[in-house]
Amino acid sequence: MQWFRREAEEQRVRDIHMVTHLLDDVKQRMSQGICPPCLASETYTQREKLGLDELDVSYTVSSPFGAGIETVRSGKSTGSPNY
């Protein structure tokens, strides 16, 4: 492996763990019948129709989550009074 890929590969493993963990939580709630309809449950249910595998679904439905985290983090770091 090229010397510069190690860090990127390690980050990818951490990213995959995070996004699949979030989807696994939704799947568990769905199986228990306690998951209200949401982007994650609807996308997971329709994954075959959409041509997505579980990793694709995991990344797709975690994008808004990540965007929200970045918005809050950047607001806090700039001292925005709205946060």
C-alpha atoms as a PDB file:
ATOM      1  CA  MET A   1       0.000   0.000   0.000  1.00  0.00           C
ATOM      2  CA  GLN A   2       1.223   3.493  -0.746  1.00  0.00           C
ATOM      3  CA  TRP A   3       2.453   5.355   2.328  1.00  0.00           C
ATOM      4  CA  PHE A   4      -0.174   8.107   2.036  1.00  0.00           C
ATOM      5  CA  ARG A   5      -3.164   5.749   1.898  1.00  0.00           C
ATOM      6  CA  ARG A   6      -2.858   4.352   5.428  1.00  0.00           C
ATOM      7  CA  GLU A   7      -4.512   7.307   7.158  1.00  0.00           C
ATOM      8  CA  ALA A   8      -7.298   7.513   4.579  1.00  0.00           C
ATOM      9  CA  GLU A   9      -8.005   3.775   4.821  1.00  0.00           C
ATOM     10  CA  GLU A  10      -8.141   3.983   8.630  1.00  0.00           C
ATOM     11  CA  GLN A  11     -10.572   6.909   8.430  1.00  0.00           C
ATOM     12  CA  ARG A  12     -12.741   4.981   5.972  1.00  0.00           C
ATOM     13  CA  VAL A  13     -12.993   2.081   8.421  1.00  0.00           C
ATOM     14  CA  ARG A  14     -14.066   4.493  11.192  1.00  0.00           C
ATOM     15  CA  ASP A  15     -16.587   6.174   8.874  1.00  0.00           C
ATOM     16  CA  ILE A  16     -18.119   2.864   7.817  1.00  0.00           C
ATOM     17  CA  HIS A  17     -18.404   1.778  11.448  1.00  0.00           C
ATOM     18  CA  MET A  18     -20.187   4.998  12.371  1.00  0.00           C
ATOM     19  CA  VAL A  19     -22.696   5.045   9.500  1.00  0.00           C
ATOM     20  CA  THR A  20     -23.499   1.337   9.739  1.00  0.00           C
ATOM     21  CA  HIS A  21     -23.951   1.648  13.511  1.00  0.00           C
ATOM     22  CA  LEU A  22     -26.573   4.356  12.953  1.00  0.00           C
ATOM     23  CA  LEU A  23     -28.450   2.222  10.410  1.00  0.00           C
ATOM     24  CA  ASP A  24     -28.208  -0.848  12.646  1.00  0.00           C
ATOM     25  CA  ASP A  25     -29.960   1.149  15.369  1.00  0.00           C
ATOM     26  CA  VAL A  26     -32.802   1.988  12.972  1.00  0.00           C
ATOM     27  CA  LYS A  27     -33.054  -1.645  11.818  1.00  0.00           C
ATOM     28  CA  GLN A  28     -33.247  -2.810  15.435  1.00  0.00           C
ATOM     29  CA  ARG A  29     -36.025  -0.326  16.191  1.00  0.00           C
ATOM     30  CA  MET A  30     -37.872  -1.392  13.041  1.00  0.00           C
ATOM     31  CA  SER A  31     -37.720  -5.058  14.089  1.00  0.00           C
ATOM     32  CA  GLN A  32     -39.079  -4.088  17.523  1.00  0.00           C
ATOM     33  CA  GLY A  33     -41.875  -2.076  15.901  1.00  0.00           C
ATOM     34  CA  ILE A  34     -40.865   1.135  17.671  1.00  0.00           C
ATOM     35  CA  CYS A  35     -39.339   3.044  14.759  1.00  0.00           C
ATOM     36  CA  PRO A  36     -41.580   5.787  13.431  1.00  0.00           C
ATOM     37  CA  PRO A  37     -41.506   6.398   9.672  1.00  0.00           C
ATOM     38  CA  CYS A  38     -38.366   8.370   8.841  1.00  0.00           C
ATOM     39  CA  LEU A  39     -35.833   8.846   6.059  1.00  0.00           C
ATOM     40  CA  ALA A  40     -33.702   5.952   7.305  1.00  0.00           C
ATOM     41  CA  SER A  41     -36.513   3.417   7.709  1.00  0.00           C
ATOM     42  CA  GLU A  42     -38.155   4.318   4.401  1.00  0.00           C
ATOM     43  CA  THR A  43     -34.870   4.209   2.479  1.00  0.00           C
ATOM     44  CA  TYR A  44     -33.896   0.908   4.099  1.00  0.00           C
ATOM     45  CA  THR A  45     -37.296  -0.604   3.270  1.00  0.00           C
ATOM     46  CA  GLN A  46     -37.026   0.484  -0.365  1.00  0.00           C
ATOM     47  CA  ARG A  47     -33.306  -0.225  -0.819  1.00  0.00           C
ATOM     48  CA  GLU A  48     -33.764  -2.960  -3.439  1.00  0.00           C
ATOM     49  CA  LYS A  49     -36.155  -0.819  -5.480  1.00  0.00           C
ATOM     50  CA  LEU A  50     -33.628   2.039  -5.268  1.00  0.00           C
ATOM     51  CA  GLY A  51     -30.727  -0.225  -6.208  1.00  0.00           C
ATOM     52  CA  LEU A  52     -28.838   0.415  -2.982  1.00  0.00           C
ATOM     53  CA  ASP A  53     -26.958  -1.973  -0.750  1.00  0.00           C
ATOM     54  CA  GLU A  54     -26.843  -1.496   3.033  1.00  0.00           C
ATOM     55  CA  LEU A  55     -23.627   0.528   2.934  1.00  0.00           C
ATOM     56  CA  ASP A  56     -25.127   2.877   0.326  1.00  0.00           C
ATOM     57  CA  VAL A  57     -28.203   3.311   2.508  1.00  0.00           C
ATOM     58  CA  SER A  58     -26.010   3.923   5.556  1.00  0.00           C
ATOM     59  CA  TYR A  59     -24.073   6.713   3.868  1.00  0.00           C
ATOM     60  CA  THR A  60     -27.177   8.220   2.244  1.00  0.00           C
ATOM     61  CA  VAL A  61     -29.266   8.506   5.383  1.00  0.00           C
ATOM     62  CA  SER A  62     -26.366   9.652   7.563  1.00  0.00           C
ATOM     63  CA  SER A  63     -25.580  12.637   5.325  1.00  0.00           C
ATOM     64  CA  PRO A  64     -28.184  14.963   6.911  1.00  0.00           C
ATOM     65  CA  PHE A  65     -26.980  13.849  10.348  1.00  0.00           C
ATOM     66  CA  GLY A  66     -23.407  14.776   9.438  1.00  0.00           C
ATOM     67  CA  ALA A  67     -24.498  18.074   7.935  1.00  0.00           C
ATOM     68  CA  GLY A  68     -26.304  18.983  11.147  1.00  0.00           C
ATOM     69  CA  ILE A  69     -23.267  18.141  13.245  1.00  0.00           C
ATOM     70  CA  GLU A  70     -21.034  20.304  11.049  1.00  0.00           C
ATOM     71  CA  THR A  71     -23.477  23.206  11.232  1.00  0.00           C
ATOM     72  CA  VAL A  72     -23.613  23.102  15.024  1.00  0.00           C
ATOM     73  CA  ARG A  73     -19.859  22.585  15.359  1.00  0.00           C
ATOM     74  CA  SER A  74     -19.015  25.499  13.081  1.00  0.00           C
ATOM     75  CA  GLY A  75     -21.543  27.737  14.835  1.00  0.00           C
ATOM     76  CA  LYS A  76     -20.060  26.945  18.220  1.00  0.00           C
ATOM     77  CA  SER A  77     -16.515  27.480  17.047  1.00  0.00           C
ATOM     78  CA  THR A  78     -17.346  30.895  15.618  1.00  0.00           C
ATOM     79  CA  GLY A  79     -19.177  31.941  18.757  1.00  0.00           C
ATOM     80  CA  SER A  80     -22.552  32.305  17.066  1.00  0.00           C
ATOM     81  CA  PRO A  81     -25.153  33.348  19.653  1.00  0.00           C
ATOM     82  CA  ASN A  82     -27.732  31.045  18.030  1.00  0.00           C
ATOM     83  CA  TYR A  83     -26.062  27.960  19.441  1.00  0.00           C
END
